[in-house]
């Protein structure tokens, strides 16, 4: 899976979870940058991402994710 495909998929996930189209997914984006991104939304993002990409995150992978770039790297690793 290419980086572009991953970011396109993440854009779709975030649009669905937040029910907004104005969030622009970049590698540096984090929870502090998005109003309403609380722990509940974080869990929803993880679940929606797993479903969209048909993967399963390890808890250690989730703990290490700080930004969208980190999330994209884990997705790349799991879909390789």
N, C-alpha and C. Protein backbone atom coordinates (compact mmCIF):
# COMPACT_ATOMS: atom_id res chain seq x y z
N UNK A 1 0.85 -1.17 0.00
CA UNK A 1 0.00 0.00 0.00
C UNK A 1 0.90 1.24 0.00
N UNK A 2 0.57 2.19 -0.85
CA UNK A 2 1.39 3.38 -0.96
C UNK A 2 1.04 4.38 0.14
N UNK A 3 1.93 5.32 0.35
CA UNK A 3 1.70 6.37 1.34
C UNK A 3 0.45 7.18 0.97
N UNK A 4 0.30 7.45 -0.31
CA UNK A 4 -0.87 8.21 -0.78
C UNK A 4 -2.15 7.45 -0.46
N UNK A 5 -2.17 6.14 -0.69
CA UNK A 5 -3.35 5.33 -0.39
C UNK A 5 -3.67 5.34 1.11
N UNK A 6 -2.62 5.28 1.92
CA UNK A 6 -2.81 5.31 3.37
C UNK A 6 -3.42 6.63 3.80
N UNK A 7 -2.86 7.75 3.33
CA UNK A 7 -3.38 9.06 3.72
C UNK A 7 -4.79 9.31 3.17
N UNK A 8 -5.08 8.79 1.99
CA UNK A 8 -6.43 8.90 1.45
C UNK A 8 -7.41 8.12 2.33
N UNK A 9 -7.00 6.95 2.74
CA UNK A 9 -7.84 6.15 3.63
C UNK A 9 -8.04 6.82 4.98
N UNK A 10 -6.97 7.40 5.52
CA UNK A 10 -7.09 8.10 6.80
C UNK A 10 -7.99 9.32 6.69
N UNK A 11 -7.94 10.00 5.55
CA UNK A 11 -8.84 11.14 5.34
C UNK A 11 -10.29 10.68 5.41
N UNK A 12 -10.56 9.54 4.81
CA UNK A 12 -11.90 8.97 4.82
C UNK A 12 -12.32 8.59 6.24
N UNK A 13 -11.42 7.97 6.98
CA UNK A 13 -11.69 7.57 8.37
C UNK A 13 -12.02 8.80 9.22
N UNK A 14 -11.19 9.82 9.13
CA UNK A 14 -11.39 11.02 9.95
C UNK A 14 -12.67 11.75 9.57
N UNK A 15 -12.97 11.80 8.30
CA UNK A 15 -14.22 12.45 7.87
C UNK A 15 -15.43 11.72 8.45
N UNK A 16 -15.36 10.39 8.49
CA UNK A 16 -16.46 9.60 9.03
C UNK A 16 -16.55 9.72 10.55
N UNK A 17 -15.42 9.63 11.24
CA UNK A 17 -15.43 9.67 12.70
C UNK A 17 -15.86 11.04 13.23
N UNK A 18 -15.33 12.10 12.61
CA UNK A 18 -15.64 13.45 13.09
C UNK A 18 -16.87 14.05 12.41
N UNK A 19 -17.36 13.36 11.37
CA UNK A 19 -18.50 13.86 10.59
C UNK A 19 -18.25 15.28 10.11
N UNK A 20 -17.02 15.48 9.65
CA UNK A 20 -16.59 16.79 9.12
C UNK A 20 -15.69 16.54 7.92
N UNK A 21 -15.73 17.45 6.98
CA UNK A 21 -14.89 17.34 5.79
C UNK A 21 -13.71 18.30 5.81
N UNK A 22 -13.62 19.14 6.85
CA UNK A 22 -12.61 20.19 6.86
C UNK A 22 -11.31 19.81 7.55
N UNK A 23 -11.19 18.61 8.06
CA UNK A 23 -9.95 18.18 8.69
C UNK A 23 -9.01 17.68 7.61
N UNK A 24 -7.87 18.33 7.49
CA UNK A 24 -6.87 17.95 6.49
C UNK A 24 -5.81 17.08 7.16
N UNK A 25 -5.69 15.87 6.68
CA UNK A 25 -4.76 14.90 7.26
C UNK A 25 -3.34 15.18 6.76
N UNK A 26 -2.44 15.42 7.71
CA UNK A 26 -1.02 15.59 7.42
C UNK A 26 -0.23 14.73 8.40
N UNK A 27 1.02 14.48 8.11
CA UNK A 27 1.82 13.62 8.98
C UNK A 27 2.00 14.20 10.38
N UNK A 28 2.00 15.51 10.51
CA UNK A 28 2.21 16.13 11.80
C UNK A 28 0.95 16.36 12.62
N UNK A 29 -0.21 16.07 12.06
CA UNK A 29 -1.47 16.30 12.76
C UNK A 29 -1.56 15.41 13.99
N UNK A 30 -2.02 16.00 15.11
CA UNK A 30 -2.20 15.23 16.34
C UNK A 30 -3.49 15.66 17.03
N UNK A 31 -3.82 15.00 18.11
CA UNK A 31 -5.07 15.27 18.83
C UNK A 31 -5.18 16.71 19.28
N UNK A 32 -4.06 17.34 19.61
CA UNK A 32 -4.10 18.72 20.07
C UNK A 32 -4.49 19.69 18.96
N UNK A 33 -4.41 19.25 17.72
CA UNK A 33 -4.72 20.11 16.58
C UNK A 33 -6.18 20.07 16.16
N UNK A 34 -6.93 19.11 16.66
CA UNK A 34 -8.31 18.91 16.20
C UNK A 34 -9.28 19.06 17.37
N UNK A 35 -10.09 20.12 17.35
CA UNK A 35 -11.09 20.28 18.40
C UNK A 35 -12.03 19.07 18.44
N UNK A 36 -12.28 18.57 19.62
CA UNK A 36 -13.17 17.43 19.77
C UNK A 36 -12.48 16.08 19.73
N UNK A 37 -11.17 16.07 19.49
CA UNK A 37 -10.44 14.80 19.48
C UNK A 37 -10.10 14.45 20.92
N UNK A 38 -11.02 13.75 21.56
CA UNK A 38 -10.84 13.34 22.94
C UNK A 38 -10.57 11.83 22.97
N UNK A 39 -10.55 11.24 24.16
CA UNK A 39 -10.23 9.82 24.27
C UNK A 39 -11.29 8.94 23.59
N UNK A 40 -12.54 9.36 23.64
CA UNK A 40 -13.60 8.61 22.97
C UNK A 40 -13.39 8.62 21.45
N UNK A 41 -13.11 9.79 20.90
CA UNK A 41 -12.85 9.89 19.45
C UNK A 41 -11.61 9.09 19.08
N UNK A 42 -10.61 9.10 19.97
CA UNK A 42 -9.37 8.38 19.70
C UNK A 42 -9.66 6.88 19.53
N UNK A 43 -10.47 6.34 20.42
CA UNK A 43 -10.85 4.92 20.32
C UNK A 43 -11.61 4.68 19.01
N UNK A 44 -12.51 5.59 18.68
CA UNK A 44 -13.26 5.45 17.42
C UNK A 44 -12.35 5.51 16.21
N UNK A 45 -11.34 6.37 16.24
CA UNK A 45 -10.37 6.46 15.14
C UNK A 45 -9.62 5.13 14.99
N UNK A 46 -9.17 4.59 16.10
CA UNK A 46 -8.42 3.32 16.06
C UNK A 46 -9.30 2.21 15.48
N UNK A 47 -10.52 2.09 15.97
CA UNK A 47 -11.42 1.03 15.49
C UNK A 47 -11.75 1.23 14.02
N UNK A 48 -12.08 2.45 13.63
CA UNK A 48 -12.42 2.73 12.23
C UNK A 48 -11.23 2.49 11.31
N UNK A 49 -10.04 2.81 11.78
CA UNK A 49 -8.83 2.58 10.98
C UNK A 49 -8.58 1.09 10.80
N UNK A 50 -8.75 0.33 11.89
CA UNK A 50 -8.58 -1.12 11.78
C UNK A 50 -9.58 -1.71 10.79
N UNK A 51 -10.81 -1.26 10.84
CA UNK A 51 -11.82 -1.78 9.93
C UNK A 51 -11.54 -1.38 8.48
N UNK A 52 -11.18 -0.10 8.28
CA UNK A 52 -10.95 0.40 6.92
C UNK A 52 -9.79 -0.34 6.26
N UNK A 53 -8.69 -0.50 6.99
CA UNK A 53 -7.49 -1.11 6.40
C UNK A 53 -7.42 -2.62 6.63
N UNK A 54 -8.42 -3.18 7.34
CA UNK A 54 -8.46 -4.61 7.64
C UNK A 54 -7.19 -5.08 8.33
N UNK A 55 -6.85 -4.37 9.42
CA UNK A 55 -5.67 -4.66 10.21
C UNK A 55 -6.06 -4.70 11.68
N UNK A 56 -5.13 -5.10 12.51
CA UNK A 56 -5.34 -5.09 13.96
C UNK A 56 -4.08 -4.51 14.60
N UNK A 57 -4.26 -3.42 15.36
CA UNK A 57 -3.13 -2.79 16.03
C UNK A 57 -2.78 -3.54 17.31
N UNK A 58 -1.51 -3.58 17.61
CA UNK A 58 -0.99 -4.04 18.88
C UNK A 58 -1.14 -2.90 19.88
N UNK A 59 -1.34 -3.19 21.13
CA UNK A 59 -1.45 -2.10 22.11
C UNK A 59 -0.16 -1.28 22.17
N UNK A 60 0.99 -1.91 21.96
CA UNK A 60 2.25 -1.17 21.96
C UNK A 60 2.33 -0.20 20.78
N UNK A 61 1.75 -0.59 19.64
CA UNK A 61 1.70 0.31 18.48
C UNK A 61 0.83 1.52 18.80
N UNK A 62 -0.32 1.28 19.42
CA UNK A 62 -1.24 2.37 19.76
C UNK A 62 -0.58 3.33 20.74
N UNK A 63 0.09 2.79 21.76
CA UNK A 63 0.75 3.62 22.76
C UNK A 63 1.83 4.51 22.17
N UNK A 64 2.49 4.05 21.11
CA UNK A 64 3.60 4.78 20.50
C UNK A 64 3.14 5.85 19.51
N UNK A 65 1.86 5.85 19.13
CA UNK A 65 1.36 6.81 18.14
C UNK A 65 1.12 8.17 18.78
N UNK A 66 1.78 9.18 18.21
CA UNK A 66 1.61 10.55 18.68
C UNK A 66 0.98 11.42 17.60
N UNK A 67 1.26 11.07 16.36
CA UNK A 67 0.78 11.88 15.23
C UNK A 67 0.22 10.97 14.14
N UNK A 68 -0.37 11.61 13.16
CA UNK A 68 -0.88 10.87 12.00
C UNK A 68 0.27 10.18 11.27
N UNK A 69 1.41 10.80 11.24
CA UNK A 69 2.58 10.17 10.62
C UNK A 69 2.93 8.86 11.28
N UNK A 70 2.86 8.82 12.62
CA UNK A 70 3.12 7.56 13.35
C UNK A 70 2.06 6.52 12.98
N UNK A 71 0.81 6.94 12.93
CA UNK A 71 -0.28 6.04 12.57
C UNK A 71 -0.06 5.48 11.16
N UNK A 72 0.31 6.34 10.23
CA UNK A 72 0.54 5.92 8.85
C UNK A 72 1.69 4.91 8.77
N UNK A 73 2.73 5.10 9.56
CA UNK A 73 3.87 4.17 9.55
C UNK A 73 3.45 2.79 10.03
N UNK A 74 2.63 2.75 11.07
CA UNK A 74 2.15 1.47 11.57
C UNK A 74 1.25 0.79 10.55
N UNK A 75 0.40 1.56 9.91
CA UNK A 75 -0.47 0.99 8.86
C UNK A 75 0.39 0.42 7.73
N UNK A 76 1.41 1.16 7.33
CA UNK A 76 2.31 0.68 6.26
C UNK A 76 2.96 -0.63 6.65
N UNK A 77 3.40 -0.71 7.90
CA UNK A 77 4.04 -1.94 8.38
C UNK A 77 3.05 -3.12 8.37
N UNK A 78 1.83 -2.88 8.80
CA UNK A 78 0.84 -3.94 8.91
C UNK A 78 0.22 -4.35 7.57
N UNK A 79 0.32 -3.50 6.58
CA UNK A 79 -0.25 -3.82 5.27
C UNK A 79 0.80 -4.25 4.26
N UNK A 80 2.04 -4.30 4.68
CA UNK A 80 3.13 -4.67 3.76
C UNK A 80 3.11 -6.15 3.44
